[in-house]
Amino acid sequence: MEPPKVTNNCTGTKNLKGIFKYGYDSACESVKKNKSALLTSSRPWVSYDKVVTC
């Protein structure tokens, strides 16, 4: 599964982190309003699980 490209549609900046199965989670990234970020794991074979705030 491809890593998630997330877009912040909220009213302000959000700190987001990609959670992956069987591997390392992404770093916590600050994403400004109406901007996108690609949340990736350092392990290429892991499966994406979800995005959480951090």
N, C-alpha and C. Protein backbone atom coordinates (compact mmCIF):
# COMPACT_ATOMS: atom_id res chain seq x y z
N MET A 1 0.84 -1.17 0.00
CA MET A 1 0.00 0.00 0.00
C MET A 1 0.88 1.23 0.00
N GLU A 2 0.47 2.24 -0.74
CA GLU A 2 1.23 3.48 -0.83
C GLU A 2 1.15 4.27 0.47
N PRO A 3 2.21 4.99 0.83
CA PRO A 3 2.13 5.84 2.02
C PRO A 3 1.12 6.95 1.78
N PRO A 4 0.48 7.41 2.84
CA PRO A 4 -0.57 8.40 2.66
C PRO A 4 -0.05 9.80 2.38
N LYS A 5 -0.63 10.44 1.38
CA LYS A 5 -0.42 11.86 1.18
C LYS A 5 -1.63 12.51 1.82
N VAL A 6 -1.43 13.25 2.88
CA VAL A 6 -2.53 13.83 3.62
C VAL A 6 -2.60 15.33 3.38
N THR A 7 -3.83 15.84 3.36
CA THR A 7 -4.07 17.26 3.22
C THR A 7 -4.79 17.76 4.46
N ASN A 8 -4.29 18.83 5.02
CA ASN A 8 -4.90 19.42 6.20
C ASN A 8 -6.01 20.38 5.76
N ASN A 9 -7.25 19.98 5.97
CA ASN A 9 -8.40 20.82 5.65
C ASN A 9 -8.98 21.48 6.90
N CYS A 10 -8.24 21.44 7.99
CA CYS A 10 -8.70 22.03 9.25
C CYS A 10 -8.43 23.54 9.24
N THR A 11 -8.89 24.22 10.28
CA THR A 11 -8.77 25.68 10.35
C THR A 11 -7.37 26.16 10.72
N GLY A 12 -6.51 25.28 11.20
CA GLY A 12 -5.16 25.67 11.59
C GLY A 12 -4.16 24.56 11.31
N THR A 13 -2.94 24.77 11.73
CA THR A 13 -1.86 23.80 11.56
C THR A 13 -2.10 22.58 12.44
N LYS A 14 -1.82 21.38 11.91
CA LYS A 14 -1.95 20.13 12.65
C LYS A 14 -0.62 19.38 12.61
N ASN A 15 -0.31 18.69 13.68
CA ASN A 15 0.85 17.80 13.73
C ASN A 15 0.35 16.39 13.46
N LEU A 16 0.84 15.78 12.38
CA LEU A 16 0.34 14.49 11.94
C LEU A 16 1.46 13.46 11.85
N LYS A 17 1.09 12.20 12.07
CA LYS A 17 2.04 11.09 12.03
C LYS A 17 1.37 9.91 11.32
N GLY A 18 2.09 9.26 10.40
CA GLY A 18 1.60 8.07 9.73
C GLY A 18 1.94 6.84 10.56
N ILE A 19 0.94 6.00 10.81
CA ILE A 19 1.13 4.77 11.56
C ILE A 19 1.16 3.61 10.56
N PHE A 20 2.19 2.75 10.67
CA PHE A 20 2.38 1.66 9.73
C PHE A 20 2.41 0.32 10.46
N LYS A 21 1.87 -0.71 9.82
CA LYS A 21 1.90 -2.06 10.38
C LYS A 21 3.26 -2.68 10.08
N TYR A 22 3.84 -3.36 11.05
CA TYR A 22 5.07 -4.14 10.90
C TYR A 22 6.29 -3.30 10.55
N GLY A 23 6.32 -2.03 10.96
CA GLY A 23 7.48 -1.21 10.67
C GLY A 23 7.47 0.07 11.48
N TYR A 24 8.39 0.95 11.15
CA TYR A 24 8.51 2.21 11.87
C TYR A 24 7.46 3.20 11.39
N ASP A 25 6.89 3.96 12.32
CA ASP A 25 5.96 5.01 11.98
C ASP A 25 6.72 6.20 11.41
N SER A 26 6.00 7.10 10.75
CA SER A 26 6.63 8.30 10.21
C SER A 26 6.96 9.25 11.35
N ALA A 27 7.74 10.24 11.04
CA ALA A 27 8.01 11.30 12.01
C ALA A 27 6.75 12.15 12.16
N CYS A 28 6.65 12.85 13.26
CA CYS A 28 5.54 13.78 13.47
C CYS A 28 5.83 15.02 12.62
N GLU A 29 4.91 15.35 11.73
CA GLU A 29 5.11 16.48 10.83
C GLU A 29 4.05 17.54 11.03
N SER A 30 4.48 18.79 11.03
CA SER A 30 3.57 19.92 11.13
C SER A 30 3.06 20.24 9.72
N VAL A 31 1.73 20.20 9.55
CA VAL A 31 1.12 20.44 8.24
C VAL A 31 0.20 21.66 8.36
N LYS A 32 0.52 22.70 7.62
CA LYS A 32 -0.27 23.93 7.68
C LYS A 32 -1.63 23.75 6.99
N LYS A 33 -2.54 24.64 7.30
CA LYS A 33 -3.88 24.65 6.71
C LYS A 33 -3.78 24.64 5.19
N ASN A 34 -4.56 23.76 4.56
CA ASN A 34 -4.65 23.62 3.10
C ASN A 34 -3.34 23.17 2.44
N LYS A 35 -2.42 22.59 3.21
CA LYS A 35 -1.17 22.04 2.66
C LYS A 35 -1.19 20.52 2.80
N SER A 36 -0.32 19.85 2.03
CA SER A 36 -0.23 18.39 2.05
C SER A 36 1.14 17.93 2.51
N ALA A 37 1.20 16.69 2.99
CA ALA A 37 2.46 16.08 3.40
C ALA A 37 2.41 14.60 3.04
N LEU A 38 3.54 14.04 2.68
CA LEU A 38 3.66 12.61 2.40
C LEU A 38 4.29 11.96 3.63
N LEU A 39 3.52 11.13 4.31
CA LEU A 39 3.98 10.48 5.54
C LEU A 39 4.51 9.09 5.18
N THR A 40 5.81 8.88 5.37
CA THR A 40 6.43 7.63 4.94
C THR A 40 7.15 6.93 6.09
N SER A 41 7.31 5.63 5.94
CA SER A 41 8.08 4.82 6.88
C SER A 41 9.46 4.59 6.28
N SER A 42 10.43 4.34 7.15
CA SER A 42 11.77 4.04 6.65
C SER A 42 11.87 2.62 6.12
N ARG A 43 10.84 1.82 6.30
CA ARG A 43 10.79 0.44 5.80
C ARG A 43 9.86 0.38 4.59
N PRO A 44 10.35 0.00 3.42
CA PRO A 44 9.52 0.04 2.22
C PRO A 44 8.44 -1.04 2.15
N TRP A 45 8.55 -2.10 2.92
CA TRP A 45 7.62 -3.22 2.79
C TRP A 45 6.44 -3.15 3.76
N VAL A 46 6.36 -2.13 4.59
CA VAL A 46 5.31 -2.07 5.59
C VAL A 46 3.99 -1.58 4.99
N SER A 47 2.90 -1.89 5.66
CA SER A 47 1.58 -1.48 5.21
C SER A 47 1.11 -0.27 6.02
N TYR A 48 0.51 0.68 5.33
CA TYR A 48 -0.07 1.85 5.99
C TYR A 48 -1.26 1.42 6.83
N ASP A 49 -1.40 2.00 8.02
CA ASP A 49 -2.52 1.70 8.89
C ASP A 49 -3.43 2.91 9.06
N LYS A 50 -2.89 4.04 9.56
CA LYS A 50 -3.73 5.22 9.79
C LYS A 50 -2.87 6.45 10.02
N VAL A 51 -3.54 7.61 10.07
CA VAL A 51 -2.89 8.89 10.41
C VAL A 51 -3.46 9.35 11.74
N VAL A 52 -2.57 9.80 12.62
CA VAL A 52 -2.99 10.29 13.94
C VAL A 52 -2.36 11.66 14.17
N THR A 53 -2.93 12.40 15.13
CA THR A 53 -2.29 13.65 15.54
C THR A 53 -1.21 13.35 16.55
N CYS A 54 -0.21 14.18 16.62
CA CYS A 54 0.90 13.95 17.55
C CYS A 54 1.37 15.25 18.18
